[in-house]
Amino acid sequence: MTCVRSVTQWYRDPISCLQSTLATLLLEAGHDPLEVLGLSWEFRYHPGDVRPEEYYWPCRRPGDLAGSLLPLHDVTSRWRAIDRADPLGEWRDALAGGRLPVVAVDNYHLPFRPAYHDVHAAHLLVVYDVDETAGTVSVSDAMPPDFAGPLPAEVLLRSCAAAGVDDEQDVFFSGPVTSGGRWLDVRLPATIPALDPGRLGLVLDANAAAFAAPSEQAWTGADGLRRYCAQTDTAATPELLAEAYTFGWGMQAQASLHGELLRALGARWDRPALAEAGRRVEQVAHRWTAVRVTAAHGRDDPAACAGPLRDHLGRLQRAYQEAHTALGRAAADLR
């Protein structure tokens, strides 16, 4: 039995369970979630890779979900399969070593989720206690409606081991790829360098350089954004329109957190150009909302949504351009 304790939850409206679970781990390690989760900003799309999971992210490091989301920090992660012979053992050992397991689950089996016994959807939550005497596992889920507390171990294991289900009620986060009895083992650095104007300026320069230089491994930066928007506009199929909702969530969440961080630091450091850049980046997040919702509603009739979707994709690209122009001014002001 591990020591029973509580954990701190952290949430922002545009984020998914990917960011909210990692925020709990960061807080437990003594780090500011916004300064870590909000530092990197990129556009990255892997054609054919988008999976029906709330926590989907286009990984630059295959299999390393947390490390790909946080490329500017010494963070690594690895998916581990649950040991069927001792299903709670690895979680118990991780907790004993000071690590909080992040478990992939199907919301259908979780009593505190609105989807309970209604909709199948692939989701993440944090395990913070294993009480084998009581037969419970305590979990934290910051996504509304937030929950923290014990569950019968068999309930959590059933949710974690759920087989893939195609659920017509949720075409975005259900399908043949679901939890599959796995959990994410995340390793965080003991220390993270303080974020000062000099370091932030270097980060903004690096983000800008990456956005300007296309990658051969994925659709990245301005060129990748152009290719993605062209595909979603002119070659739109119901499948591509459905994946825009899933893929766009990650892009939207990252832009929202990056923008909030820059706004906050601009106010703290009295750097108006930085605060304005933050507002421009947040505008990108808002533009993603229109793209995601229009694509989702138009997947059953792509022709009917073609005009509005084209307009929203154009506004999205202009928002990226305006944000990077503002970021260039902010980076120059920080030098």
C-alpha atoms as a PDB file:
ATOM      1  CA  MET A   1       0.000   0.000   0.000  1.00  0.00           C
ATOM      2  CA  THR A   2       1.340   3.432  -0.932  1.00  0.00           C
ATOM      3  CA  CYS A   3       0.869   6.481   1.242  1.00  0.00           C
ATOM      4  CA  VAL A   4      -2.512   8.089   0.586  1.00  0.00           C
ATOM      5  CA  ARG A   5      -2.153  11.662  -0.568  1.00  0.00           C
ATOM      6  CA  SER A   6      -3.892  14.262  -2.655  1.00  0.00           C
ATOM      7  CA  VAL A   7      -2.791  15.858  -5.895  1.00  0.00           C
ATOM      8  CA  THR A   8      -3.299  19.322  -7.361  1.00  0.00           C
ATOM      9  CA  GLN A   9      -5.336  19.679 -10.534  1.00  0.00           C
ATOM     10  CA  TRP A  10      -4.788  22.291 -13.232  1.00  0.00           C
ATOM     11  CA  TYR A  11      -7.051  23.085 -16.156  1.00  0.00           C
ATOM     12  CA  ARG A  12      -7.583  25.636 -18.909  1.00  0.00           C
ATOM     13  CA  ASP A  13     -10.657  25.626 -21.133  1.00  0.00           C
ATOM     14  CA  PRO A  14      -9.041  24.790 -24.516  1.00  0.00           C
ATOM     15  CA  ILE A  15      -6.737  21.989 -23.275  1.00  0.00           C
ATOM     16  CA  SER A  16      -7.249  18.228 -23.403  1.00  0.00           C
ATOM     17  CA  CYS A  17      -6.511  15.495 -20.900  1.00  0.00           C
ATOM     18  CA  LEU A  18      -2.962  15.338 -22.309  1.00  0.00           C
ATOM     19  CA  GLN A  19      -2.064  18.765 -20.953  1.00  0.00           C
ATOM     20  CA  SER A  20      -4.136  18.468 -17.767  1.00  0.00           C
ATOM     21  CA  THR A  21      -2.556  15.173 -16.697  1.00  0.00           C
ATOM     22  CA  LEU A  22       0.971  16.385 -17.393  1.00  0.00           C
ATOM     23  CA  ALA A  23       0.166  19.557 -15.450  1.00  0.00           C
ATOM     24  CA  THR A  24      -0.589  17.441 -12.371  1.00  0.00           C
ATOM     25  CA  LEU A  25       2.774  15.708 -12.742  1.00  0.00           C
ATOM     26  CA  LEU A  26       4.557  19.039 -13.159  1.00  0.00           C
ATOM     27  CA  LEU A  27       2.901  20.505 -10.077  1.00  0.00           C
ATOM     28  CA  GLU A  28       3.841  17.420  -8.071  1.00  0.00           C
ATOM     29  CA  ALA A  29       7.459  17.967  -9.132  1.00  0.00           C
ATOM     30  CA  GLY A  30       7.347  21.648  -8.161  1.00  0.00           C
ATOM     31  CA  HIS A  31       7.165  23.145 -11.662  1.00  0.00           C
ATOM     32  CA  ASP A  32       4.829  25.816 -13.042  1.00  0.00           C
ATOM     33  CA  PRO A  33       2.600  24.033 -15.614  1.00  0.00           C
ATOM     34  CA  LEU A  34       2.048  27.140 -17.732  1.00  0.00           C
ATOM     35  CA  GLU A  35       5.764  27.933 -18.008  1.00  0.00           C
ATOM     36  CA  VAL A  36       6.501  24.356 -19.097  1.00  0.00           C
ATOM     37  CA  LEU A  37       3.454  23.471 -21.216  1.00  0.00           C
ATOM     38  CA  GLY A  38       3.271  26.920 -22.772  1.00  0.00           C
ATOM     39  CA  LEU A  39       6.879  27.362 -23.858  1.00  0.00           C
ATOM     40  CA  SER A  40       6.964  25.449 -27.140  1.00  0.00           C
ATOM     41  CA  TRP A  41       4.784  26.344 -30.141  1.00  0.00           C
ATOM     42  CA  GLU A  42       4.835  24.596 -33.486  1.00  0.00           C
ATOM     43  CA  PHE A  43       2.740  23.264 -36.340  1.00  0.00           C
ATOM     44  CA  ARG A  44       3.268  19.547 -36.965  1.00  0.00           C
ATOM     45  CA  TYR A  45       1.065  17.135 -38.888  1.00  0.00           C
ATOM     46  CA  HIS A  46       1.769  13.491 -39.780  1.00  0.00           C
ATOM     47  CA  PRO A  47      -0.488  12.395 -42.663  1.00  0.00           C
ATOM     48  CA  GLY A  48      -2.261   9.144 -41.848  1.00  0.00           C
ATOM     49  CA  ASP A  49      -1.202   9.231 -38.190  1.00  0.00           C
ATOM     50  CA  VAL A  50      -4.155  10.910 -36.462  1.00  0.00           C
ATOM     51  CA  ARG A  51      -5.748   8.456 -34.011  1.00  0.00           C
ATOM     52  CA  PRO A  52      -9.154   8.583 -32.273  1.00  0.00           C
ATOM     53  CA  GLU A  53      -7.829   9.619 -28.859  1.00  0.00           C
ATOM     54  CA  GLU A  54      -8.494  12.752 -26.813  1.00  0.00           C
ATOM     55  CA  TYR A  55      -4.757  12.834 -26.102  1.00  0.00           C
ATOM     56  CA  TYR A  56      -3.535  12.512 -29.698  1.00  0.00           C
ATOM     57  CA  TRP A  57      -0.348  14.441 -30.423  1.00  0.00           C
ATOM     58  CA  PRO A  58       1.830  14.344 -33.593  1.00  0.00           C
ATOM     59  CA  CYS A  59       5.001  13.018 -31.966  1.00  0.00           C
ATOM     60  CA  ARG A  60       8.410  14.151 -33.182  1.00  0.00           C
ATOM     61  CA  ARG A  61       9.866  11.338 -31.028  1.00  0.00           C
ATOM     62  CA  PRO A  62       8.032   8.085 -31.841  1.00  0.00           C
ATOM     63  CA  GLY A  63       6.515   6.573 -28.702  1.00  0.00           C
ATOM     64  CA  ASP A  64       7.546   9.515 -26.504  1.00  0.00           C
ATOM     65  CA  LEU A  65       4.296  11.429 -26.027  1.00  0.00           C
ATOM     66  CA  ALA A  66       5.389  13.723 -23.176  1.00  0.00           C
ATOM     67  CA  GLY A  67       8.832  14.343 -24.649  1.00  0.00           C
ATOM     68  CA  SER A  68       7.286  15.286 -27.992  1.00  0.00           C
ATOM     69  CA  LEU A  69       4.851  17.705 -26.376  1.00  0.00           C
ATOM     70  CA  LEU A  70       7.659  19.268 -24.297  1.00  0.00           C
ATOM     71  CA  PRO A  71      10.672  19.252 -26.661  1.00  0.00           C
ATOM     72  CA  LEU A  72      12.369  22.176 -24.887  1.00  0.00           C
ATOM     73  CA  HIS A  73      12.611  20.336 -21.577  1.00  0.00           C
ATOM     74  CA  ASP A  74      14.438  17.235 -20.406  1.00  0.00           C
ATOM     75  CA  VAL A  75      11.239  15.170 -20.324  1.00  0.00           C
ATOM     76  CA  THR A  76      10.870  11.602 -21.564  1.00  0.00           C
ATOM     77  CA  SER A  77       8.004   9.128 -21.523  1.00  0.00           C
ATOM     78  CA  ARG A  78       7.334   5.543 -22.487  1.00  0.00           C
ATOM     79  CA  TRP A  79       4.142   3.582 -22.975  1.00  0.00           C
ATOM     80  CA  ARG A  80       4.062   0.460 -20.812  1.00  0.00           C
ATOM     81  CA  ALA A  81       1.662  -2.466 -20.978  1.00  0.00           C
ATOM     82  CA  ILE A  82      -0.089  -3.499 -17.781  1.00  0.00           C
ATOM     83  CA  ASP A  83       1.320  -6.715 -16.333  1.00  0.00           C
ATOM     84  CA  ARG A  84      -1.657  -9.087 -16.398  1.00  0.00           C
ATOM     85  CA  ALA A  85      -0.162 -11.215 -13.623  1.00  0.00           C
ATOM     86  CA  ASP A  86       0.208  -8.213 -11.286  1.00  0.00           C
ATOM     87  CA  PRO A  87      -1.889  -5.434 -12.833  1.00  0.00           C
ATOM     88  CA  LEU A  88      -1.324  -2.934 -10.017  1.00  0.00           C
ATOM     89  CA  GLY A  89       2.329  -3.764  -9.466  1.00  0.00           C
ATOM     90  CA  GLU A  90       3.928  -1.330 -11.893  1.00  0.00           C
ATOM     91  CA  TRP A  91       1.746   1.538 -10.695  1.00  0.00           C
ATOM     92  CA  ARG A  92       2.596   0.702  -7.097  1.00  0.00           C
ATOM     93  CA  ASP A  93       6.328   0.619  -7.934  1.00  0.00           C
ATOM     94  CA  ALA A  94       6.166   3.872  -9.901  1.00  0.00           C
ATOM     95  CA  LEU A  95       4.440   5.628  -6.999  1.00  0.00           C
ATOM     96  CA  ALA A  96       7.012   4.251  -4.576  1.00  0.00           C
ATOM     97  CA  GLY A  97       9.678   5.775  -6.831  1.00  0.00           C
ATOM     98  CA  GLY A  98       7.978   9.170  -6.800  1.00  0.00           C
ATOM     99  CA  ARG A  99       6.361   8.944 -10.258  1.00  0.00           C
ATOM    100  CA  LEU A 100       2.658   9.365 -10.996  1.00  0.00           C
ATOM    101  CA  PRO A 101       1.399   6.918 -13.651  1.00  0.00           C
ATOM    102  CA  VAL A 102      -0.689   8.390 -16.471  1.00  0.00           C
ATOM    103  CA  VAL A 103      -3.217   5.754 -17.484  1.00  0.00           C
ATOM    104  CA  ALA A 104      -5.066   5.448 -20.799  1.00  0.00           C
ATOM    105  CA  VAL A 105      -8.735   4.622 -20.240  1.00  0.00           C
ATOM    106  CA  ASP A 106     -12.124   4.342 -21.918  1.00  0.00           C
ATOM    107  CA  ASN A 107     -14.553   6.875 -20.442  1.00  0.00           C
ATOM    108  CA  TYR A 108     -17.422   4.440 -20.928  1.00  0.00           C
ATOM    109  CA  HIS A 109     -16.367   2.496 -17.803  1.00  0.00           C
ATOM    110  CA  LEU A 110     -15.662   5.420 -15.443  1.00  0.00           C
ATOM    111  CA  PRO A 111     -18.572   6.302 -13.096  1.00  0.00           C
ATOM    112  CA  PHE A 112     -17.502   9.946 -12.685  1.00  0.00           C
ATOM    113  CA  ARG A 113     -17.388  10.712 -16.420  1.00  0.00           C
ATOM    114  CA  PRO A 114     -20.512  11.999 -18.232  1.00  0.00           C
ATOM    115  CA  ALA A 115     -19.905   9.271 -20.840  1.00  0.00           C
ATOM    116  CA  TYR A 116     -20.339   6.494 -18.263  1.00  0.00           C
ATOM    117  CA  HIS A 117     -22.184   3.555 -19.850  1.00  0.00           C
ATOM    118  CA  ASP A 118     -23.080   5.833 -22.750  1.00  0.00           C
ATOM    119  CA  VAL A 119     -20.141   6.769 -25.003  1.00  0.00           C
ATOM    120  CA  HIS A 120     -16.751   5.154 -25.619  1.00  0.00           C
ATOM    121  CA  ALA A 121     -13.850   7.621 -25.772  1.00  0.00           C
ATOM    122  CA  ALA A 122     -10.083   7.280 -25.244  1.00  0.00           C
ATOM    123  CA  HIS A 123      -8.944   9.457 -22.329  1.00  0.00           C
ATOM    124  CA  LEU A 124      -6.075   9.931 -19.830  1.00  0.00           C
ATOM    125  CA  LEU A 125      -6.020  10.262 -16.049  1.00  0.00           C
ATOM    126  CA  VAL A 126      -3.439  10.184 -13.245  1.00  0.00           C
ATOM    127  CA  VAL A 127      -3.050   7.446 -10.631  1.00  0.00           C
ATOM    128  CA  TYR A 128      -1.887   8.805  -7.273  1.00  0.00           C
ATOM    129  CA  ASP A 129      -2.515   5.948  -4.842  1.00  0.00           C
ATOM    130  CA  VAL A 130      -2.840   2.160  -4.858  1.00  0.00           C
ATOM    131  CA  ASP A 131      -4.486   0.622  -1.794  1.00  0.00           C
ATOM    132  CA  GLU A 132      -4.399  -3.121  -2.321  1.00  0.00           C
ATOM    133  CA  THR A 133      -5.859  -3.776   1.123  1.00  0.00           C
ATOM    134  CA  ALA A 134      -8.994  -1.816   0.285  1.00  0.00           C
ATOM    135  CA  GLY A 135      -8.894  -2.910  -3.363  1.00  0.00           C
ATOM    136  CA  THR A 136      -8.929   0.693  -4.629  1.00  0.00           C
ATOM    137  CA  VAL A 137      -6.892   2.936  -6.885  1.00  0.00           C
ATOM    138  CA  SER A 138      -7.088   6.712  -6.402  1.00  0.00           C
ATOM    139  CA  VAL A 139      -7.187   8.718  -9.621  1.00  0.00           C
ATOM    140  CA  SER A 140      -7.182  12.372 -10.607  1.00  0.00           C
ATOM    141  CA  ASP A 141      -8.960  13.743 -13.674  1.00  0.00           C
ATOM    142  CA  ALA A 142      -8.919  17.533 -14.042  1.00  0.00           C
ATOM    143  CA  MET A 143     -11.135  17.571 -17.134  1.00  0.00           C
ATOM    144  CA  PRO A 144     -14.639  18.828 -16.282  1.00  0.00           C
ATOM    145  CA  PRO A 145     -16.387  17.555 -14.300  1.00  0.00           C
ATOM    146  CA  ASP A 146     -13.153  17.159 -12.345  1.00  0.00           C
ATOM    147  CA  PHE A 147     -12.707  14.179 -10.034  1.00  0.00           C
ATOM    148  CA  ALA A 148     -10.112  13.014  -7.522  1.00  0.00           C
ATOM    149  CA  GLY A 149     -10.603   9.997  -5.323  1.00  0.00           C
ATOM    150  CA  PRO A 150     -10.649   6.210  -5.067  1.00  0.00           C
ATOM    151  CA  LEU A 151     -12.153   3.778  -7.544  1.00  0.00           C
ATOM    152  CA  PRO A 152     -12.510   0.016  -7.172  1.00  0.00           C
ATOM    153  CA  ALA A 153      -9.409  -1.410  -8.791  1.00  0.00           C
ATOM    154  CA  GLU A 154     -11.454  -3.663 -11.062  1.00  0.00           C
ATOM    155  CA  VAL A 155     -13.346  -0.652 -12.442  1.00  0.00           C
ATOM    156  CA  LEU A 156     -10.171   1.175 -13.404  1.00  0.00           C
ATOM    157  CA  LEU A 157      -8.576  -1.963 -14.842  1.00  0.00           C
ATOM    158  CA  ARG A 158     -11.683  -2.648 -16.914  1.00  0.00           C
ATOM    159  CA  SER A 159     -11.555   0.891 -18.270  1.00  0.00           C
ATOM    160  CA  CYS A 160      -7.850   0.654 -18.964  1.00  0.00           C
ATOM    161  CA  ALA A 161      -8.054  -2.712 -20.710  1.00  0.00           C
ATOM    162  CA  ALA A 162     -11.135  -1.876 -22.804  1.00  0.00           C
ATOM    163  CA  ALA A 163     -11.026  -3.260 -26.314  1.00  0.00           C
ATOM    164  CA  GLY A 164     -11.399  -0.970 -29.302  1.00  0.00           C
ATOM    165  CA  VAL A 165     -14.990   0.025 -29.964  1.00  0.00           C
ATOM    166  CA  ASP A 166     -16.364   2.011 -32.879  1.00  0.00           C
ATOM    167  CA  ASP A 167     -19.001   4.208 -31.246  1.00  0.00           C
ATOM    168  CA  GLU A 168     -21.219   6.139 -33.629  1.00  0.00           C
ATOM    169  CA  GLN A 169     -21.941   8.621 -30.825  1.00  0.00           C
ATOM    170  CA  ASP A 170     -18.289   9.710 -30.838  1.00  0.00           C
ATOM    171  CA  VAL A 171     -16.562   9.360 -34.192  1.00  0.00           C
ATOM    172  CA  PHE A 172     -13.643  11.497 -33.011  1.00  0.00           C
ATOM    173  CA  PHE A 173     -12.345   9.673 -29.926  1.00  0.00           C
ATOM    174  CA  SER A 174     -13.579   6.087 -30.309  1.00  0.00           C
ATOM    175  CA  GLY A 175     -12.428   3.383 -32.682  1.00  0.00           C
ATOM    176  CA  PRO A 176     -10.029   0.478 -33.023  1.00  0.00           C
ATOM    177  CA  VAL A 177      -7.249   2.426 -31.271  1.00  0.00           C
ATOM    178  CA  THR A 178      -8.129   2.896 -27.597  1.00  0.00           C
ATOM    179  CA  SER A 179      -6.537   2.398 -24.222  1.00  0.00           C
ATOM    180  CA  GLY A 180      -5.471  -1.190 -24.769  1.00  0.00           C
ATOM    181  CA  GLY A 181      -4.156  -1.821 -21.262  1.00  0.00           C
ATOM    182  CA  ARG A 182      -1.329   0.706 -21.291  1.00  0.00           C
ATOM    183  CA  TRP A 183      -0.002   3.522 -19.166  1.00  0.00           C
ATOM    184  CA  LEU A 184       2.486   6.309 -19.714  1.00  0.00           C
ATOM    185  CA  ASP A 185       5.621   6.335 -17.576  1.00  0.00           C
ATOM    186  CA  VAL A 186       6.820   9.962 -17.524  1.00  0.00           C
ATOM    187  CA  ARG A 187      10.251  11.078 -16.331  1.00  0.00           C
ATOM    188  CA  LEU A 188      10.528  14.754 -15.403  1.00  0.00           C
ATOM    189  CA  PRO A 189      13.743  16.691 -14.726  1.00  0.00           C
ATOM    190  CA  ALA A 190      14.562  17.550 -11.132  1.00  0.00           C
ATOM    191  CA  THR A 191      15.124  21.169 -12.096  1.00  0.00           C
ATOM    192  CA  ILE A 192      14.018  23.396 -14.944  1.00  0.00           C
ATOM    193  CA  PRO A 193      15.958  26.594 -15.782  1.00  0.00           C
ATOM    194  CA  ALA A 194      14.270  29.802 -14.740  1.00  0.00           C
ATOM    195  CA  LEU A 195      12.395  31.516 -17.520  1.00  0.00           C
ATOM    196  CA  ASP A 196      13.887  34.992 -17.964  1.00  0.00           C
ATOM    197  CA  PRO A 197      13.753  37.411 -20.929  1.00  0.00           C
ATOM    198  CA  GLY A 198      17.025  36.106 -22.345  1.00  0.00           C
ATOM    199  CA  ARG A 199      15.947  32.478 -22.355  1.00  0.00           C
ATOM    200  CA  LEU A 200      12.494  33.274 -23.683  1.00  0.00           C
ATOM    201  CA  GLY A 201      14.012  35.304 -26.513  1.00  0.00           C
ATOM    202  CA  LEU A 202      16.107  32.301 -27.548  1.00  0.00           C
ATOM    203  CA  VAL A 203      13.035  30.077 -27.446  1.00  0.00           C
ATOM    204  CA  LEU A 204      11.019  32.461 -29.603  1.00  0.00           C
ATOM    205  CA  ASP A 205      13.865  32.574 -32.122  1.00  0.00           C
ATOM    206  CA  ALA A 206      14.046  28.777 -32.199  1.00  0.00           C
ATOM    207  CA  ASN A 207      10.279  28.439 -32.601  1.00  0.00           C
ATOM    208  CA  ALA A 208      10.371  30.944 -35.468  1.00  0.00           C
ATOM    209  CA  ALA A 209      13.240  29.151 -37.195  1.00  0.00           C
ATOM    210  CA  ALA A 210      11.385  25.837 -36.973  1.00  0.00           C
ATOM    211  CA  PHE A 211       8.231  27.410 -38.396  1.00  0.00           C
ATOM    212  CA  ALA A 212      10.203  28.802 -41.342  1.00  0.00           C
ATOM    213  CA  ALA A 213      12.005  25.544 -42.166  1.00  0.00           C
ATOM    214  CA  PRO A 214       9.915  22.619 -43.507  1.00  0.00           C
ATOM    215  CA  SER A 215      10.694  19.088 -42.330  1.00  0.00           C
ATOM    216  CA  GLU A 216      11.060  16.022 -44.515  1.00  0.00           C
ATOM    217  CA  GLN A 217       9.573  13.722 -41.858  1.00  0.00           C
ATOM    218  CA  ALA A 218       6.269  15.562 -41.369  1.00  0.00           C
ATOM    219  CA  TRP A 219       4.256  18.552 -42.496  1.00  0.00           C
ATOM    220  CA  THR A 220       5.671  21.251 -40.253  1.00  0.00           C
ATOM    221  CA  GLY A 221       5.911  25.016 -40.057  1.00  0.00           C
ATOM    222  CA  ALA A 222       4.384  27.425 -42.538  1.00  0.00           C
ATOM    223  CA  ASP A 223       4.753  24.996 -45.445  1.00  0.00           C
ATOM    224  CA  GLY A 224       3.178  22.179 -43.460  1.00  0.00           C
ATOM    225  CA  LEU A 225       0.294  24.428 -42.443  1.00  0.00           C
ATOM    226  CA  ARG A 226      -0.261  25.405 -46.087  1.00  0.00           C
ATOM    227  CA  ARG A 227      -0.258  21.742 -47.174  1.00  0.00           C
ATOM    228  CA  TYR A 228      -2.592  20.736 -44.356  1.00  0.00           C
ATOM    229  CA  CYS A 229      -5.089  23.498 -45.129  1.00  0.00           C
ATOM    230  CA  ALA A 230      -5.014  22.667 -48.843  1.00  0.00           C
ATOM    231  CA  GLN A 231      -5.683  18.999 -48.117  1.00  0.00           C
ATOM    232  CA  THR A 232      -8.510  19.759 -45.698  1.00  0.00           C
ATOM    233  CA  ASP A 233     -10.032  22.200 -48.187  1.00  0.00           C
ATOM    234  CA  THR A 234      -9.707  20.650 -51.641  1.00  0.00           C
ATOM    235  CA  ALA A 235      -9.319  16.922 -50.884  1.00  0.00           C
ATOM    236  CA  ALA A 236     -11.676  16.817 -47.929  1.00  0.00           C
ATOM    237  CA  THR A 237     -13.232  13.450 -47.208  1.00  0.00           C
ATOM    238  CA  PRO A 238     -15.454  12.580 -44.252  1.00  0.00           C
ATOM    239  CA  GLU A 239     -12.414  10.934 -42.652  1.00  0.00           C
ATOM    240  CA  LEU A 240     -10.166  13.981 -43.085  1.00  0.00           C
ATOM    241  CA  LEU A 241     -12.875  16.283 -41.796  1.00  0.00           C
ATOM    242  CA  ALA A 242     -13.400  14.085 -38.739  1.00  0.00           C
ATOM    243  CA  GLU A 243      -9.681  13.995 -37.973  1.00  0.00           C
ATOM    244  CA  ALA A 244      -9.491  17.805 -38.166  1.00  0.00           C
ATOM    245  CA  TYR A 245     -11.448  17.901 -34.919  1.00  0.00           C
ATOM    246  CA  THR A 246      -9.039  15.505 -33.194  1.00  0.00           C
ATOM    247  CA  PHE A 247      -5.791  16.839 -34.644  1.00  0.00           C
ATOM    248  CA  GLY A 248      -6.848  20.462 -34.255  1.00  0.00           C
ATOM    249  CA  TRP A 249      -7.439  20.045 -30.523  1.00  0.00           C
ATOM    250  CA  GLY A 250      -3.742  19.565 -29.861  1.00  0.00           C
ATOM    251  CA  MET A 251      -2.751  22.506 -32.071  1.00  0.00           C
ATOM    252  CA  GLN A 252      -5.409  24.681 -30.436  1.00  0.00           C
ATOM    253  CA  ALA A 253      -4.387  23.743 -26.887  1.00  0.00           C
ATOM    254  CA  GLN A 254      -0.724  24.451 -27.491  1.00  0.00           C
ATOM    255  CA  ALA A 255      -1.432  27.829 -29.116  1.00  0.00           C
ATOM    256  CA  SER A 256      -3.737  28.800 -26.263  1.00  0.00           C
ATOM    257  CA  LEU A 257      -1.145  27.965 -23.586  1.00  0.00           C
ATOM    258  CA  HIS A 258       1.702  29.629 -25.470  1.00  0.00           C
ATOM    259  CA  GLY A 259      -0.363  32.760 -25.913  1.00  0.00           C
ATOM    260  CA  GLU A 260      -1.402  32.847 -22.260  1.00  0.00           C
ATOM    261  CA  LEU A 261       2.213  32.443 -21.139  1.00  0.00           C
ATOM    262  CA  LEU A 262       3.429  35.289 -23.347  1.00  0.00           C
ATOM    263  CA  ARG A 263       0.619  37.573 -22.200  1.00  0.00           C
ATOM    264  CA  ALA A 264       1.378  36.819 -18.554  1.00  0.00           C
ATOM    265  CA  LEU A 265       5.117  37.373 -18.949  1.00  0.00           C
ATOM    266  CA  GLY A 266       4.554  40.520 -21.000  1.00  0.00           C
ATOM    267  CA  ALA A 267       2.556  41.982 -18.121  1.00  0.00           C
ATOM    268  CA  ARG A 268       5.018  40.740 -15.475  1.00  0.00           C
ATOM    269  CA  TRP A 269       8.086  42.090 -17.289  1.00  0.00           C
ATOM    270  CA  ASP A 270       6.376  45.226 -18.663  1.00  0.00           C
ATOM    271  CA  ARG A 271       6.987  44.148 -22.270  1.00  0.00           C
ATOM    272  CA  PRO A 272       4.013  45.326 -24.348  1.00  0.00           C
ATOM    273  CA  ALA A 273       5.316  43.675 -27.528  1.00  0.00           C
ATOM    274  CA  LEU A 274       5.417  40.322 -25.754  1.00  0.00           C
ATOM    275  CA  ALA A 275       1.896  40.705 -24.406  1.00  0.00           C
ATOM    276  CA  GLU A 276       0.638  41.660 -27.882  1.00  0.00           C
ATOM    277  CA  ALA A 277       2.357  38.610 -29.369  1.00  0.00           C
ATOM    278  CA  GLY A 278       0.584  36.472 -26.791  1.00  0.00           C
ATOM    279  CA  ARG A 279      -2.772  37.884 -27.860  1.00  0.00           C
ATOM    280  CA  ARG A 280      -1.945  37.126 -31.495  1.00  0.00           C
ATOM    281  CA  VAL A 281      -1.046  33.531 -30.656  1.00  0.00           C
ATOM    282  CA  GLU A 282      -4.272  33.161 -28.716  1.00  0.00           C
ATOM    283  CA  GLN A 283      -6.103  34.340 -31.832  1.00  0.00           C
ATOM    284  CA  VAL A 284      -4.673  31.282 -33.602  1.00  0.00           C
ATOM    285  CA  ALA A 285      -6.312  29.106 -30.952  1.00  0.00           C
ATOM    286  CA  HIS A 286      -9.634  30.841 -31.568  1.00  0.00           C
ATOM    287  CA  ARG A 287      -9.317  30.261 -35.323  1.00  0.00           C
ATOM    288  CA  TRP A 288      -8.810  26.560 -34.688  1.00  0.00           C
ATOM    289  CA  THR A 289     -12.217  26.464 -32.995  1.00  0.00           C
ATOM    290  CA  ALA A 290     -13.951  27.532 -36.203  1.00  0.00           C
ATOM    291  CA  VAL A 291     -12.001  25.028 -38.304  1.00  0.00           C
ATOM    292  CA  ARG A 292     -12.641  22.137 -35.942  1.00  0.00           C
ATOM    293  CA  VAL A 293     -16.355  22.789 -35.477  1.00  0.00           C
ATOM    294  CA  THR A 294     -17.026  23.449 -39.166  1.00  0.00           C
ATOM    295  CA  ALA A 295     -15.144  20.311 -40.222  1.00  0.00           C
ATOM    296  CA  ALA A 296     -16.862  18.190 -37.593  1.00  0.00           C
ATOM    297  CA  HIS A 297     -20.330  19.306 -38.613  1.00  0.00           C
ATOM    298  CA  GLY A 298     -19.491  19.045 -42.310  1.00  0.00           C
ATOM    299  CA  ARG A 299     -18.085  15.535 -42.366  1.00  0.00           C
ATOM    300  CA  ASP A 300     -21.440  14.040 -43.414  1.00  0.00           C
ATOM    301  CA  ASP A 301     -21.703  16.470 -46.328  1.00  0.00           C
ATOM    302  CA  PRO A 302     -18.265  17.834 -47.302  1.00  0.00           C
ATOM    303  CA  ALA A 303     -19.636  19.806 -50.246  1.00  0.00           C
ATOM    304  CA  ALA A 304     -22.046  21.731 -48.044  1.00  0.00           C
ATOM    305  CA  CYS A 305     -19.312  22.913 -45.669  1.00  0.00           C
ATOM    306  CA  ALA A 306     -16.706  23.609 -48.371  1.00  0.00           C
ATOM    307  CA  GLY A 307     -17.255  27.381 -48.556  1.00  0.00           C
ATOM    308  CA  PRO A 308     -17.301  28.162 -44.815  1.00  0.00           C
ATOM    309  CA  LEU A 309     -14.427  25.757 -44.180  1.00  0.00           C
ATOM    310  CA  ARG A 310     -12.292  27.430 -46.853  1.00  0.00           C
ATOM    311  CA  ASP A 311     -12.913  30.800 -45.225  1.00  0.00           C
ATOM    312  CA  HIS A 312     -11.952  29.505 -41.781  1.00  0.00           C
ATOM    313  CA  LEU A 313      -8.807  27.815 -43.106  1.00  0.00           C
ATOM    314  CA  GLY A 314      -7.781  31.087 -44.747  1.00  0.00           C
ATOM    315  CA  ARG A 315      -8.315  32.982 -41.508  1.00  0.00           C
ATOM    316  CA  LEU A 316      -6.316  30.340 -39.645  1.00  0.00           C
ATOM    317  CA  GLN A 317      -3.321  30.765 -41.947  1.00  0.00           C
ATOM    318  CA  ARG A 318      -3.488  34.558 -41.674  1.00  0.00           C
ATOM    319  CA  ALA A 319      -3.663  34.275 -37.879  1.00  0.00           C
ATOM    320  CA  TYR A 320      -0.470  32.197 -37.878  1.00  0.00           C
ATOM    321  CA  GLN A 321       1.262  34.759 -40.101  1.00  0.00           C
ATOM    322  CA  GLU A 322       0.182  37.676 -37.920  1.00  0.00           C
ATOM    323  CA  ALA A 323       1.227  35.841 -34.760  1.00  0.00           C
ATOM    324  CA  HIS A 324       4.703  35.109 -36.101  1.00  0.00           C
ATOM    325  CA  THR A 325       5.135  38.708 -37.195  1.00  0.00           C
ATOM    326  CA  ALA A 326       4.246  39.836 -33.676  1.00  0.00           C
ATOM    327  CA  LEU A 327       6.530  37.179 -32.184  1.00  0.00           C
ATOM    328  CA  GLY A 328       9.409  38.503 -34.262  1.00  0.00           C
ATOM    329  CA  ARG A 329       8.907  41.965 -32.776  1.00  0.00           C
ATOM    330  CA  ALA A 330       8.671  40.504 -29.278  1.00  0.00           C
ATOM    331  CA  ALA A 331      11.859  38.455 -29.703  1.00  0.00           C
ATOM    332  CA  ALA A 332      13.745  41.525 -30.930  1.00  0.00           C
ATOM    333  CA  ASP A 333      12.521  43.479 -27.905  1.00  0.00           C
ATOM    334  CA  LEU A 334      13.837  40.760 -25.573  1.00  0.00           C
ATOM    335  CA  ARG A 335      17.372  40.793 -26.974  1.00  0.00           C
END
